[in-house]
Amino acid sequence: MTSYTNLEVISVKSETKETILLTLKSTGGNLINFSAGQFLTIFFSDGEKEIKRAFSICSSPDELPIITLAIKSDSPGPTHDIFLKNIHVGDNIKALPPLGHFTLDRLKGRASNLFFIGAGSGIAPLYSMLKWSLPHNPEYKHTLIYGNKDETSVIFKNELELLEKQHTDSFSLYLVYSRPLAQKYPRTGRINEKTITDILKSFSEYEVKNSNYFMCGPSDLMKKTRAILISIGVKDKNIHSEDFVVKILDENDTTELKEREVTIIVDGNKYEFNVDPNKSIMTAAKDNGITLPCKCTEGKCGTCKAKLLSGVLKLKGQKALKSTELNNDNCLTCVGFPASEDVVIFYDD
């Protein structure tokens, strides 16, 4: 089994001034399958080395084998300068199969009102969830609170308004503008406590406390929104977020370590297992019968070097990696501990 899949570029078009929609199609025998809310890691070259970048999928699984990504075109660095400027219809792209646990699978079949809260390009996984859930879960009430600078920066604006018309009984759309071009909007400014609590007033206390909330956007927005929801009685287990942070912490960082699920891709195989806070990822892998490259187990030799594709990882006492390698998201699993959800680590074939 290979860990790669091949995709053909079907179209490249501007959605807003800051966003490009990249539409792809699975080709060959290794066809893509995914859950709404997952992300796709694609590979491209900068002329010297292979670069890996993860993007949330914004299409619905119902649209397979077509898959669409929303990519910020104004992002600095190689994603914009190299990839977007050189991608053309008909090109073939190498990618990993979709990954991530920010999905509606977390509901585990339980009926629930669903609130989606996002800003800017954070709409991508939320839009995928909405497109899939509205026809499949018509008994749920779906509510989207979506913040942008102005009317021209709303990704999928026409599509979202059409969804609201098509699903009048199960979908409510609230657009929030920080600097609207027109003066007719009831909600201006950034998404804050007043915005959220005003919208939630139309729901009963029981509905508010027992609904599920999915958030994607700037870290500060999600942090504040989580605090607001918890303050009004929403359980933390009902609040789900996609941060898309890739960060490696040193041993002096005070982030709490607790049991978390980790995804490892090695030798073309994907493994998912829980990591106890007192065990390194490598030790936990070994306990689950998974063999990872290893020699010293003390962070000195670099044999277990891999790429962190998603999440936050804490390294305790590593001595093998240079700062340039750490800045390029390289890590060591023998002294690595997950410091967030959705930690995904990839070993090059």
C-alpha atoms as a PDB file:
ATOM      1  CA  MET A   1       0.000   0.000   0.000  1.00  0.00           C
ATOM      2  CA  THR A   2       1.366   3.427  -0.910  1.00  0.00           C
ATOM      3  CA  SER A   3       0.851   6.504   1.220  1.00  0.00           C
ATOM      4  CA  TYR A   4       0.570   8.683  -1.880  1.00  0.00           C
ATOM      5  CA  THR A   5      -2.294   9.425  -4.215  1.00  0.00           C
ATOM      6  CA  ASN A   6      -2.240  11.102  -7.618  1.00  0.00           C
ATOM      7  CA  LEU A   7      -4.457  14.061  -8.468  1.00  0.00           C
ATOM      8  CA  GLU A   8      -5.068  15.872 -11.739  1.00  0.00           C
ATOM      9  CA  VAL A   9      -5.670  19.632 -11.741  1.00  0.00           C
ATOM     10  CA  ILE A  10      -9.139  20.265 -13.219  1.00  0.00           C
ATOM     11  CA  SER A  11      -9.374  24.012 -12.639  1.00  0.00           C
ATOM     12  CA  VAL A  12      -7.648  26.935 -10.936  1.00  0.00           C
ATOM     13  CA  LYS A  13      -9.806  29.995 -10.346  1.00  0.00           C
ATOM     14  CA  SER A  14     -10.056  33.032  -8.097  1.00  0.00           C
ATOM     15  CA  GLU A  15     -12.828  32.909  -5.506  1.00  0.00           C
ATOM     16  CA  THR A  16     -11.976  36.249  -3.863  1.00  0.00           C
ATOM     17  CA  LYS A  17      -9.020  38.631  -4.150  1.00  0.00           C
ATOM     18  CA  GLU A  18      -7.251  36.592  -1.480  1.00  0.00           C
ATOM     19  CA  THR A  19      -8.411  33.044  -2.276  1.00  0.00           C
ATOM     20  CA  ILE A  20      -7.796  30.542  -5.062  1.00  0.00           C
ATOM     21  CA  LEU A  21      -9.988  27.470  -5.554  1.00  0.00           C
ATOM     22  CA  LEU A  22      -7.987  24.479  -6.753  1.00  0.00           C
ATOM     23  CA  THR A  23     -10.156  21.664  -8.113  1.00  0.00           C
ATOM     24  CA  LEU A  24      -8.567  18.230  -8.413  1.00  0.00           C
ATOM     25  CA  LYS A  25      -9.605  14.755  -9.501  1.00  0.00           C
ATOM     26  CA  SER A  26      -8.373  11.412  -8.242  1.00  0.00           C
ATOM     27  CA  THR A  27      -6.546   9.456 -10.928  1.00  0.00           C
ATOM     28  CA  GLY A  28      -5.096   5.967 -11.051  1.00  0.00           C
ATOM     29  CA  GLY A  29      -5.967   3.108  -8.749  1.00  0.00           C
ATOM     30  CA  ASN A  30      -5.417   4.840  -5.401  1.00  0.00           C
ATOM     31  CA  LEU A  31      -8.596   6.939  -5.290  1.00  0.00           C
ATOM     32  CA  ILE A  32      -9.231   9.452  -2.527  1.00  0.00           C
ATOM     33  CA  ASN A  33     -11.849   9.016   0.172  1.00  0.00           C
ATOM     34  CA  PHE A  34     -12.331  11.478   3.001  1.00  0.00           C
ATOM     35  CA  SER A  35     -14.592  12.717   5.780  1.00  0.00           C
ATOM     36  CA  ALA A  36     -15.925  16.279   5.633  1.00  0.00           C
ATOM     37  CA  GLY A  37     -13.548  18.521   7.581  1.00  0.00           C
ATOM     38  CA  GLN A  38     -10.291  16.717   6.781  1.00  0.00           C
ATOM     39  CA  PHE A  39      -7.221  18.235   5.123  1.00  0.00           C
ATOM     40  CA  LEU A  40      -5.045  17.223   2.194  1.00  0.00           C
ATOM     41  CA  THR A  41      -1.243  17.355   2.167  1.00  0.00           C
ATOM     42  CA  ILE A  42       0.218  18.076  -1.260  1.00  0.00           C
ATOM     43  CA  PHE A  43       3.809  17.947  -2.468  1.00  0.00           C
ATOM     44  CA  PHE A  44       5.607  20.299  -4.846  1.00  0.00           C
ATOM     45  CA  SER A  45       9.163  21.355  -5.593  1.00  0.00           C
ATOM     46  CA  ASP A  46      10.841  24.716  -5.136  1.00  0.00           C
ATOM     47  CA  GLY A  47      13.546  23.655  -7.593  1.00  0.00           C
ATOM     48  CA  GLU A  48      15.833  22.307  -4.877  1.00  0.00           C
ATOM     49  CA  LYS A  49      13.731  20.342  -2.421  1.00  0.00           C
ATOM     50  CA  GLU A  50      10.277  18.866  -2.034  1.00  0.00           C
ATOM     51  CA  ILE A  51       7.835  20.991  -0.035  1.00  0.00           C
ATOM     52  CA  LYS A  52       4.784  19.659   1.788  1.00  0.00           C
ATOM     53  CA  ARG A  53       1.742  21.829   2.520  1.00  0.00           C
ATOM     54  CA  ALA A  54      -1.610  20.943   4.079  1.00  0.00           C
ATOM     55  CA  PHE A  55      -4.895  22.534   2.978  1.00  0.00           C
ATOM     56  CA  SER A  56      -8.430  21.969   4.253  1.00  0.00           C
ATOM     57  CA  ILE A  57     -10.789  20.317   1.785  1.00  0.00           C
ATOM     58  CA  CYS A  58     -13.812  22.501   1.044  1.00  0.00           C
ATOM     59  CA  SER A  59     -15.785  20.124  -1.185  1.00  0.00           C
ATOM     60  CA  SER A  60     -18.161  17.439   0.083  1.00  0.00           C
ATOM     61  CA  PRO A  61     -17.356  13.716   0.012  1.00  0.00           C
ATOM     62  CA  ASP A  62     -20.490  13.433  -2.140  1.00  0.00           C
ATOM     63  CA  GLU A  63     -18.545  15.161  -4.944  1.00  0.00           C
ATOM     64  CA  LEU A  64     -15.809  12.515  -5.200  1.00  0.00           C
ATOM     65  CA  PRO A  65     -13.695  11.815  -7.220  1.00  0.00           C
ATOM     66  CA  ILE A  66     -13.616  15.635  -7.472  1.00  0.00           C
ATOM     67  CA  ILE A  67     -11.945  17.373  -4.547  1.00  0.00           C
ATOM     68  CA  THR A  68     -11.528  21.136  -4.033  1.00  0.00           C
ATOM     69  CA  LEU A  69      -9.083  23.133  -1.904  1.00  0.00           C
ATOM     70  CA  ALA A  70      -9.333  26.799  -0.911  1.00  0.00           C
ATOM     71  CA  ILE A  71      -5.842  28.340  -0.849  1.00  0.00           C
ATOM     72  CA  LYS A  72      -4.967  31.846   0.329  1.00  0.00           C
ATOM     73  CA  SER A  73      -3.281  33.531  -2.612  1.00  0.00           C
ATOM     74  CA  ASP A  74      -1.827  36.364  -0.551  1.00  0.00           C
ATOM     75  CA  SER A  75       0.142  34.147   1.834  1.00  0.00           C
ATOM     76  CA  PRO A  76       3.866  34.890   1.900  1.00  0.00           C
ATOM     77  CA  GLY A  77       6.464  32.205   1.226  1.00  0.00           C
ATOM     78  CA  PRO A  78       6.744  29.195  -1.093  1.00  0.00           C
ATOM     79  CA  THR A  79       3.058  28.242  -1.123  1.00  0.00           C
ATOM     80  CA  HIS A  80       2.156  31.417  -2.984  1.00  0.00           C
ATOM     81  CA  ASP A  81       5.380  32.264  -4.797  1.00  0.00           C
ATOM     82  CA  ILE A  82       6.133  28.812  -6.176  1.00  0.00           C
ATOM     83  CA  PHE A  83       3.103  26.563  -6.103  1.00  0.00           C
ATOM     84  CA  LEU A  84       0.243  28.844  -7.124  1.00  0.00           C
ATOM     85  CA  LYS A  85       2.267  30.650  -9.776  1.00  0.00           C
ATOM     86  CA  ASN A  86       3.233  27.393 -11.465  1.00  0.00           C
ATOM     87  CA  ILE A  87       0.111  25.248 -11.243  1.00  0.00           C
ATOM     88  CA  HIS A  88      -1.851  24.656 -14.444  1.00  0.00           C
ATOM     89  CA  VAL A  89      -4.880  22.694 -15.591  1.00  0.00           C
ATOM     90  CA  GLY A  90      -3.780  19.187 -16.568  1.00  0.00           C
ATOM     91  CA  ASP A  91      -0.873  19.070 -14.117  1.00  0.00           C
ATOM     92  CA  ASN A  92      -0.526  16.041 -11.839  1.00  0.00           C
ATOM     93  CA  ILE A  93      -0.046  16.496  -8.108  1.00  0.00           C
ATOM     94  CA  LYS A  94       1.260  14.027  -5.552  1.00  0.00           C
ATOM     95  CA  ALA A  95      -0.564  14.026  -2.226  1.00  0.00           C
ATOM     96  CA  LEU A  96      -1.042  12.067   0.956  1.00  0.00           C
ATOM     97  CA  PRO A  97      -4.505  10.635   1.595  1.00  0.00           C
ATOM     98  CA  PRO A  98      -6.734  13.069   3.562  1.00  0.00           C
ATOM     99  CA  LEU A  99      -5.992  13.272   7.275  1.00  0.00           C
ATOM    100  CA  GLY A 100      -7.353  14.927  10.413  1.00  0.00           C
ATOM    101  CA  HIS A 101      -9.931  14.360  13.126  1.00  0.00           C
ATOM    102  CA  PHE A 102     -11.805  17.667  12.795  1.00  0.00           C
ATOM    103  CA  THR A 103     -14.852  15.923  11.345  1.00  0.00           C
ATOM    104  CA  LEU A 104     -18.497  15.219  12.048  1.00  0.00           C
ATOM    105  CA  ASP A 105     -17.436  11.673  12.917  1.00  0.00           C
ATOM    106  CA  ARG A 106     -16.950  13.069  16.435  1.00  0.00           C
ATOM    107  CA  LEU A 107     -20.723  13.114  16.846  1.00  0.00           C
ATOM    108  CA  LYS A 108     -20.747   9.309  16.763  1.00  0.00           C
ATOM    109  CA  GLY A 109     -24.271   9.117  15.413  1.00  0.00           C
ATOM    110  CA  ARG A 110     -25.859  11.309  18.095  1.00  0.00           C
ATOM    111  CA  ALA A 111     -28.383  13.868  16.860  1.00  0.00           C
ATOM    112  CA  SER A 112     -27.316  17.400  17.698  1.00  0.00           C
ATOM    113  CA  ASN A 113     -27.704  21.010  16.675  1.00  0.00           C
ATOM    114  CA  LEU A 114     -24.536  22.042  14.880  1.00  0.00           C
ATOM    115  CA  PHE A 115     -22.955  25.471  15.190  1.00  0.00           C
ATOM    116  CA  PHE A 116     -20.111  26.426  12.856  1.00  0.00           C
ATOM    117  CA  ILE A 117     -17.998  29.462  13.722  1.00  0.00           C
ATOM    118  CA  GLY A 118     -15.252  30.687  11.435  1.00  0.00           C
ATOM    119  CA  ALA A 119     -13.458  33.593   9.832  1.00  0.00           C
ATOM    120  CA  GLY A 120     -11.702  34.121   6.508  1.00  0.00           C
ATOM    121  CA  SER A 121     -10.281  30.973   4.934  1.00  0.00           C
ATOM    122  CA  GLY A 122     -11.343  29.047   8.052  1.00  0.00           C
ATOM    123  CA  ILE A 123     -14.601  28.484   6.181  1.00  0.00           C
ATOM    124  CA  ALA A 124     -13.029  25.698   4.077  1.00  0.00           C
ATOM    125  CA  PRO A 125     -13.581  22.672   6.380  1.00  0.00           C
ATOM    126  CA  LEU A 126     -16.815  24.166   7.749  1.00  0.00           C
ATOM    127  CA  TYR A 127     -18.216  24.517   4.222  1.00  0.00           C
ATOM    128  CA  SER A 128     -17.331  20.890   3.506  1.00  0.00           C
ATOM    129  CA  MET A 129     -19.171  19.829   6.662  1.00  0.00           C
ATOM    130  CA  LEU A 130     -22.223  21.922   5.817  1.00  0.00           C
ATOM    131  CA  LYS A 131     -22.458  20.693   2.233  1.00  0.00           C
ATOM    132  CA  TRP A 132     -22.319  17.101   3.434  1.00  0.00           C
ATOM    133  CA  SER A 133     -24.429  17.357   6.588  1.00  0.00           C
ATOM    134  CA  LEU A 134     -27.388  19.385   5.297  1.00  0.00           C
ATOM    135  CA  PRO A 135     -28.665  16.652   2.947  1.00  0.00           C
ATOM    136  CA  HIS A 136     -27.584  13.786   5.197  1.00  0.00           C
ATOM    137  CA  ASN A 137     -28.788  15.197   8.546  1.00  0.00           C
ATOM    138  CA  PRO A 138     -31.929  17.225   7.763  1.00  0.00           C
ATOM    139  CA  GLU A 139     -33.135  16.737  11.355  1.00  0.00           C
ATOM    140  CA  TYR A 140     -30.236  18.823  12.687  1.00  0.00           C
ATOM    141  CA  LYS A 141     -30.353  22.609  12.967  1.00  0.00           C
ATOM    142  CA  HIS A 142     -27.230  24.012  11.283  1.00  0.00           C
ATOM    143  CA  THR A 143     -26.023  27.521  12.154  1.00  0.00           C
ATOM    144  CA  LEU A 144     -23.010  29.256  10.598  1.00  0.00           C
ATOM    145  CA  ILE A 145     -21.454  32.399  12.099  1.00  0.00           C
ATOM    146  CA  TYR A 146     -18.867  33.591   9.590  1.00  0.00           C
ATOM    147  CA  GLY A 147     -16.665  36.672   9.947  1.00  0.00           C
ATOM    148  CA  ASN A 148     -14.894  38.603   7.185  1.00  0.00           C
ATOM    149  CA  LYS A 149     -13.529  42.083   6.491  1.00  0.00           C
ATOM    150  CA  ASP A 150     -16.242  43.022   3.998  1.00  0.00           C
ATOM    151  CA  GLU A 151     -18.706  41.643   1.450  1.00  0.00           C
ATOM    152  CA  THR A 152     -16.042  41.036  -1.205  1.00  0.00           C
ATOM    153  CA  SER A 153     -13.884  38.840   1.030  1.00  0.00           C
ATOM    154  CA  VAL A 154     -16.558  36.230   1.808  1.00  0.00           C
ATOM    155  CA  ILE A 155     -15.501  32.857   0.415  1.00  0.00           C
ATOM    156  CA  PHE A 156     -18.479  30.913  -1.011  1.00  0.00           C
ATOM    157  CA  LYS A 157     -20.838  33.836  -0.361  1.00  0.00           C
ATOM    158  CA  ASN A 158     -23.266  32.974  -3.162  1.00  0.00           C
ATOM    159  CA  GLU A 159     -23.122  29.264  -2.385  1.00  0.00           C
ATOM    160  CA  LEU A 160     -23.818  29.810   1.314  1.00  0.00           C
ATOM    161  CA  GLU A 161     -26.784  32.062   0.589  1.00  0.00           C
ATOM    162  CA  LEU A 162     -28.135  29.447  -1.826  1.00  0.00           C
ATOM    163  CA  LEU A 163     -27.762  26.717   0.813  1.00  0.00           C
ATOM    164  CA  GLU A 164     -29.804  28.853   3.224  1.00  0.00           C
ATOM    165  CA  LYS A 165     -32.594  29.177   0.631  1.00  0.00           C
ATOM    166  CA  GLN A 166     -32.530  25.462  -0.132  1.00  0.00           C
ATOM    167  CA  HIS A 167     -32.567  24.431   3.545  1.00  0.00           C
ATOM    168  CA  THR A 168     -34.732  27.088   5.186  1.00  0.00           C
ATOM    169  CA  ASP A 169     -35.766  24.776   8.026  1.00  0.00           C
ATOM    170  CA  SER A 170     -32.323  23.466   8.898  1.00  0.00           C
ATOM    171  CA  PHE A 171     -29.748  26.153   8.055  1.00  0.00           C
ATOM    172  CA  SER A 172     -29.246  29.723   9.299  1.00  0.00           C
ATOM    173  CA  LEU A 173     -26.450  31.929   7.984  1.00  0.00           C
ATOM    174  CA  TYR A 174     -25.011  34.885   9.935  1.00  0.00           C
ATOM    175  CA  LEU A 175     -22.392  36.948   8.115  1.00  0.00           C
ATOM    176  CA  VAL A 176     -20.344  39.333  10.244  1.00  0.00           C
ATOM    177  CA  TYR A 177     -18.253  42.134   8.675  1.00  0.00           C
ATOM    178  CA  SER A 178     -15.531  44.071  10.476  1.00  0.00           C
ATOM    179  CA  ARG A 179     -15.495  46.840   7.816  1.00  0.00           C
ATOM    180  CA  PRO A 180     -18.568  46.482   5.583  1.00  0.00           C
ATOM    181  CA  LEU A 181     -18.733  48.424   2.338  1.00  0.00           C
ATOM    182  CA  ALA A 182     -22.464  49.042   2.814  1.00  0.00           C
ATOM    183  CA  GLN A 183     -24.257  50.172   5.948  1.00  0.00           C
ATOM    184  CA  LYS A 184     -27.184  47.747   5.883  1.00  0.00           C
ATOM    185  CA  TYR A 185     -25.725  44.924   7.982  1.00  0.00           C
ATOM    186  CA  PRO A 186     -26.955  44.316  11.534  1.00  0.00           C
ATOM    187  CA  ARG A 187     -23.712  42.640  12.622  1.00  0.00           C
ATOM    188  CA  THR A 188     -20.485  44.560  12.219  1.00  0.00           C
ATOM    189  CA  GLY A 189     -17.129  44.298  13.923  1.00  0.00           C
ATOM    190  CA  ARG A 190     -15.333  41.086  14.772  1.00  0.00           C
ATOM    191  CA  ILE A 191     -17.052  37.987  16.112  1.00  0.00           C
ATOM    192  CA  ASN A 192     -17.220  38.517  19.864  1.00  0.00           C
ATOM    193  CA  GLU A 193     -19.238  37.606  22.957  1.00  0.00           C
ATOM    194  CA  LYS A 194     -22.143  39.873  21.999  1.00  0.00           C
ATOM    195  CA  THR A 195     -22.326  38.447  18.477  1.00  0.00           C
ATOM    196  CA  ILE A 196     -22.380  34.867  19.709  1.00  0.00           C
ATOM    197  CA  THR A 197     -24.758  35.347  22.642  1.00  0.00           C
ATOM    198  CA  ASP A 198     -27.201  37.409  20.553  1.00  0.00           C
ATOM    199  CA  ILE A 199     -27.448  34.615  17.985  1.00  0.00           C
ATOM    200  CA  LEU A 200     -27.771  31.935  20.658  1.00  0.00           C
ATOM    201  CA  LYS A 201     -30.736  33.761  22.237  1.00  0.00           C
ATOM    202  CA  SER A 202     -33.023  32.173  19.644  1.00  0.00           C
ATOM    203  CA  PHE A 203     -32.184  28.740  21.056  1.00  0.00           C
ATOM    204  CA  SER A 204     -33.245  27.232  24.354  1.00  0.00           C
ATOM    205  CA  GLU A 205     -30.717  26.876  27.170  1.00  0.00           C
ATOM    206  CA  TYR A 206     -30.809  23.102  26.721  1.00  0.00           C
ATOM    207  CA  GLU A 207     -30.082  23.414  22.983  1.00  0.00           C
ATOM    208  CA  VAL A 208     -27.174  25.792  23.566  1.00  0.00           C
ATOM    209  CA  LYS A 209     -25.546  23.589  26.192  1.00  0.00           C
ATOM    210  CA  ASN A 210     -26.032  20.319  24.313  1.00  0.00           C
ATOM    211  CA  SER A 211     -25.161  21.382  20.766  1.00  0.00           C
ATOM    212  CA  ASN A 212     -21.840  20.693  19.067  1.00  0.00           C
ATOM    213  CA  TYR A 213     -19.635  23.599  17.976  1.00  0.00           C
ATOM    214  CA  PHE A 214     -17.062  23.460  15.184  1.00  0.00           C
ATOM    215  CA  MET A 215     -14.594  26.337  14.853  1.00  0.00           C
ATOM    216  CA  CYS A 216     -11.913  27.198  12.317  1.00  0.00           C
ATOM    217  CA  GLY A 217     -10.073  30.486  11.916  1.00  0.00           C
ATOM    218  CA  PRO A 218      -7.450  32.613  13.662  1.00  0.00           C
ATOM    219  CA  SER A 219      -6.209  31.092  16.924  1.00  0.00           C
ATOM    220  CA  ASP A 220      -7.243  34.149  18.930  1.00  0.00           C
ATOM    221  CA  LEU A 221     -10.820  33.903  17.646  1.00  0.00           C
ATOM    222  CA  MET A 222     -11.087  30.230  18.549  1.00  0.00           C
ATOM    223  CA  LYS A 223      -9.522  30.711  21.971  1.00  0.00           C
ATOM    224  CA  LYS A 224     -11.925  33.523  22.868  1.00  0.00           C
ATOM    225  CA  THR A 225     -14.927  31.701  21.397  1.00  0.00           C
ATOM    226  CA  ARG A 226     -14.163  28.566  23.399  1.00  0.00           C
ATOM    227  CA  ALA A 227     -13.986  30.661  26.586  1.00  0.00           C
ATOM    228  CA  ILE A 228     -17.327  32.309  25.751  1.00  0.00           C
ATOM    229  CA  LEU A 229     -19.043  28.981  25.105  1.00  0.00           C
ATOM    230  CA  ILE A 230     -17.700  27.390  28.277  1.00  0.00           C
ATOM    231  CA  SER A 231     -18.802  30.440  30.303  1.00  0.00           C
ATOM    232  CA  ILE A 232     -22.432  29.879  29.200  1.00  0.00           C
ATOM    233  CA  GLY A 233     -22.400  26.199  30.068  1.00  0.00           C
ATOM    234  CA  VAL A 234     -21.240  24.413  26.908  1.00  0.00           C
ATOM    235  CA  LYS A 235     -19.147  21.345  27.713  1.00  0.00           C
ATOM    236  CA  ASP A 236     -15.584  21.403  26.439  1.00  0.00           C
ATOM    237  CA  LYS A 237     -16.069  17.993  24.785  1.00  0.00           C
ATOM    238  CA  ASN A 238     -18.735  19.567  22.548  1.00  0.00           C
ATOM    239  CA  ILE A 239     -16.351  22.237  21.231  1.00  0.00           C
ATOM    240  CA  HIS A 240     -14.169  21.168  18.299  1.00  0.00           C
ATOM    241  CA  SER A 241     -11.549  23.274  16.567  1.00  0.00           C
ATOM    242  CA  GLU A 242      -9.207  23.095  13.580  1.00  0.00           C
ATOM    243  CA  ASP A 243      -6.196  25.291  14.168  1.00  0.00           C
ATOM    244  CA  PHE A 244      -3.862  24.117  11.412  1.00  0.00           C
ATOM    245  CA  VAL A 245      -0.918  24.979  13.619  1.00  0.00           C
ATOM    246  CA  VAL A 246       2.390  23.259  12.888  1.00  0.00           C
ATOM    247  CA  LYS A 247       4.693  24.046  15.782  1.00  0.00           C
ATOM    248  CA  ILE A 248       7.552  22.398  17.619  1.00  0.00           C
ATOM    249  CA  LEU A 249       8.067  23.333  21.268  1.00  0.00           C
ATOM    250  CA  ASP A 250      11.225  22.929  23.323  1.00  0.00           C
ATOM    251  CA  GLU A 251      11.370  21.206  26.689  1.00  0.00           C
ATOM    252  CA  ASN A 252      10.958  24.466  28.628  1.00  0.00           C
ATOM    253  CA  ASP A 253       7.474  25.120  27.223  1.00  0.00           C
ATOM    254  CA  THR A 254       4.719  24.803  29.845  1.00  0.00           C
ATOM    255  CA  THR A 255       1.962  23.464  27.557  1.00  0.00           C
ATOM    256  CA  GLU A 256       0.073  20.701  29.357  1.00  0.00           C
ATOM    257  CA  LEU A 257       0.837  17.190  28.172  1.00  0.00           C
ATOM    258  CA  LYS A 258      -2.058  14.747  28.302  1.00  0.00           C
ATOM    259  CA  GLU A 259      -3.175  11.632  26.485  1.00  0.00           C
ATOM    260  CA  ARG A 260      -3.768  12.451  22.828  1.00  0.00           C
ATOM    261  CA  GLU A 261      -4.221  10.546  19.597  1.00  0.00           C
ATOM    262  CA  VAL A 262      -1.372  10.741  17.093  1.00  0.00           C
ATOM    263  CA  THR A 263      -1.222   9.763  13.426  1.00  0.00           C
ATOM    264  CA  ILE A 264       2.023   8.334  12.040  1.00  0.00           C
ATOM    265  CA  ILE A 265       2.682   7.603   8.357  1.00  0.00           C
ATOM    266  CA  VAL A 266       5.676   5.315   7.876  1.00  0.00           C
ATOM    267  CA  ASP A 267       6.638   2.866   5.102  1.00  0.00           C
ATOM    268  CA  GLY A 268       3.462   3.777   3.239  1.00  0.00           C
ATOM    269  CA  ASN A 269       1.176   2.819   6.132  1.00  0.00           C
ATOM    270  CA  LYS A 270      -0.944   5.037   8.376  1.00  0.00           C
ATOM    271  CA  TYR A 271      -1.217   4.300  12.087  1.00  0.00           C
ATOM    272  CA  GLU A 272      -3.416   6.038  14.684  1.00  0.00           C
ATOM    273  CA  PHE A 273      -2.824   5.443  18.386  1.00  0.00           C
ATOM    274  CA  ASN A 274      -3.042   7.185  21.744  1.00  0.00           C
ATOM    275  CA  VAL A 275       0.068   8.542  23.437  1.00  0.00           C
ATOM    276  CA  ASP A 276       0.224   8.687  27.224  1.00  0.00           C
ATOM    277  CA  PRO A 277       1.763  11.941  28.588  1.00  0.00           C
ATOM    278  CA  ASN A 278       4.506   9.950  30.312  1.00  0.00           C
ATOM    279  CA  LYS A 279       5.569   8.154  27.136  1.00  0.00           C
ATOM    280  CA  SER A 280       7.221   9.403  23.973  1.00  0.00           C
ATOM    281  CA  ILE A 281       5.537   8.879  20.625  1.00  0.00           C
ATOM    282  CA  MET A 282       8.112   6.239  19.753  1.00  0.00           C
ATOM    283  CA  THR A 283       7.492   4.310  22.975  1.00  0.00           C
ATOM    284  CA  ALA A 284       3.735   4.459  22.442  1.00  0.00           C
ATOM    285  CA  ALA A 285       4.209   3.260  18.858  1.00  0.00           C
ATOM    286  CA  LYS A 286       6.282   0.325  20.064  1.00  0.00           C
ATOM    287  CA  ASP A 287       3.593  -0.540  22.638  1.00  0.00           C
ATOM    288  CA  ASN A 288       1.136  -0.711  19.723  1.00  0.00           C
ATOM    289  CA  GLY A 289       3.345  -3.010  17.671  1.00  0.00           C
ATOM    290  CA  ILE A 290       4.526  -0.261  15.291  1.00  0.00           C
ATOM    291  CA  THR A 291       8.188  -0.208  14.305  1.00  0.00           C
ATOM    292  CA  LEU A 292       9.733   3.223  13.752  1.00  0.00           C
ATOM    293  CA  PRO A 293      13.334   3.985  12.703  1.00  0.00           C
ATOM    294  CA  CYS A 294      15.344   4.075  15.913  1.00  0.00           C
ATOM    295  CA  LYS A 295      18.832   3.750  17.356  1.00  0.00           C
ATOM    296  CA  CYS A 296      19.589   5.837  20.427  1.00  0.00           C
ATOM    297  CA  THR A 297      16.054   6.633  21.769  1.00  0.00           C
ATOM    298  CA  GLU A 298      17.573   9.733  23.441  1.00  0.00           C
ATOM    299  CA  GLY A 299      17.302  12.404  20.750  1.00  0.00           C
ATOM    300  CA  LYS A 300      21.008  12.255  19.881  1.00  0.00           C
ATOM    301  CA  CYS A 301      21.395  10.341  16.602  1.00  0.00           C
ATOM    302  CA  GLY A 302      18.539  11.695  14.456  1.00  0.00           C
ATOM    303  CA  THR A 303      17.600   8.256  13.084  1.00  0.00           C
ATOM    304  CA  CYS A 304      13.926   8.846  13.901  1.00  0.00           C
ATOM    305  CA  LYS A 305      13.781  12.243  12.191  1.00  0.00           C
ATOM    306  CA  ALA A 306      10.400  12.850  10.554  1.00  0.00           C
ATOM    307  CA  LYS A 307       8.217  15.707   9.334  1.00  0.00           C
ATOM    308  CA  LEU A 308       5.488  17.237  11.507  1.00  0.00           C
ATOM    309  CA  LEU A 309       2.583  17.857   9.109  1.00  0.00           C
ATOM    310  CA  SER A 310      -0.017  19.016  11.621  1.00  0.00           C
ATOM    311  CA  GLY A 311      -0.360  19.886  15.298  1.00  0.00           C
ATOM    312  CA  VAL A 312       1.985  20.904  18.089  1.00  0.00           C
ATOM    313  CA  LEU A 313       4.813  18.694  19.294  1.00  0.00           C
ATOM    314  CA  LYS A 314       7.054  19.067  22.343  1.00  0.00           C
ATOM    315  CA  LEU A 315      10.635  17.789  22.152  1.00  0.00           C
ATOM    316  CA  LYS A 316      12.379  16.909  25.414  1.00  0.00           C
ATOM    317  CA  GLY A 317      16.161  17.091  25.336  1.00  0.00           C
ATOM    318  CA  GLN A 318      16.746  16.662  21.613  1.00  0.00           C
ATOM    319  CA  LYS A 319      20.324  17.254  20.437  1.00  0.00           C
ATOM    320  CA  ALA A 320      20.318  15.893  16.863  1.00  0.00           C
ATOM    321  CA  LEU A 321      18.391  18.570  14.975  1.00  0.00           C
ATOM    322  CA  LYS A 322      19.724  21.978  13.998  1.00  0.00           C
ATOM    323  CA  SER A 323      17.562  25.077  14.345  1.00  0.00           C
ATOM    324  CA  THR A 324      17.111  25.199  10.557  1.00  0.00           C
ATOM    325  CA  GLU A 325      15.702  21.657  10.637  1.00  0.00           C
ATOM    326  CA  LEU A 326      13.351  22.497  13.492  1.00  0.00           C
ATOM    327  CA  ASN A 327      12.195  25.616  11.662  1.00  0.00           C
ATOM    328  CA  ASN A 328      11.395  23.364   8.695  1.00  0.00           C
ATOM    329  CA  ASP A 329       9.064  21.279  10.907  1.00  0.00           C
ATOM    330  CA  ASN A 330      11.425  18.324  11.377  1.00  0.00           C
ATOM    331  CA  CYS A 331      11.056  16.425  14.641  1.00  0.00           C
ATOM    332  CA  LEU A 332      12.209  13.358  16.566  1.00  0.00           C
ATOM    333  CA  THR A 333       9.663  10.813  17.745  1.00  0.00           C
ATOM    334  CA  CYS A 334      11.929   9.260  20.377  1.00  0.00           C
ATOM    335  CA  VAL A 335      11.753  12.465  22.451  1.00  0.00           C
ATOM    336  CA  GLY A 336       8.514  13.823  20.972  1.00  0.00           C
ATOM    337  CA  PHE A 337       5.276  14.299  22.907  1.00  0.00           C
ATOM    338  CA  PRO A 338       1.963  15.533  21.417  1.00  0.00           C
ATOM    339  CA  ALA A 339       1.020  18.967  22.784  1.00  0.00           C
ATOM    340  CA  SER A 340      -2.213  19.371  20.790  1.00  0.00           C
ATOM    341  CA  GLU A 341      -4.840  17.395  18.952  1.00  0.00           C
ATOM    342  CA  ASP A 342      -4.362  16.293  15.331  1.00  0.00           C
ATOM    343  CA  VAL A 343      -0.623  15.619  15.519  1.00  0.00           C
ATOM    344  CA  VAL A 344       0.362  14.028  12.203  1.00  0.00           C
ATOM    345  CA  ILE A 345       3.953  12.854  11.601  1.00  0.00           C
ATOM    346  CA  PHE A 346       5.261  11.689   8.239  1.00  0.00           C
ATOM    347  CA  TYR A 347       8.340   9.560   7.544  1.00  0.00           C
ATOM    348  CA  ASP A 348       9.625  10.020   3.984  1.00  0.00           C
ATOM    349  CA  ASP A 349       9.674   6.795   2.007  1.00  0.00           C
END
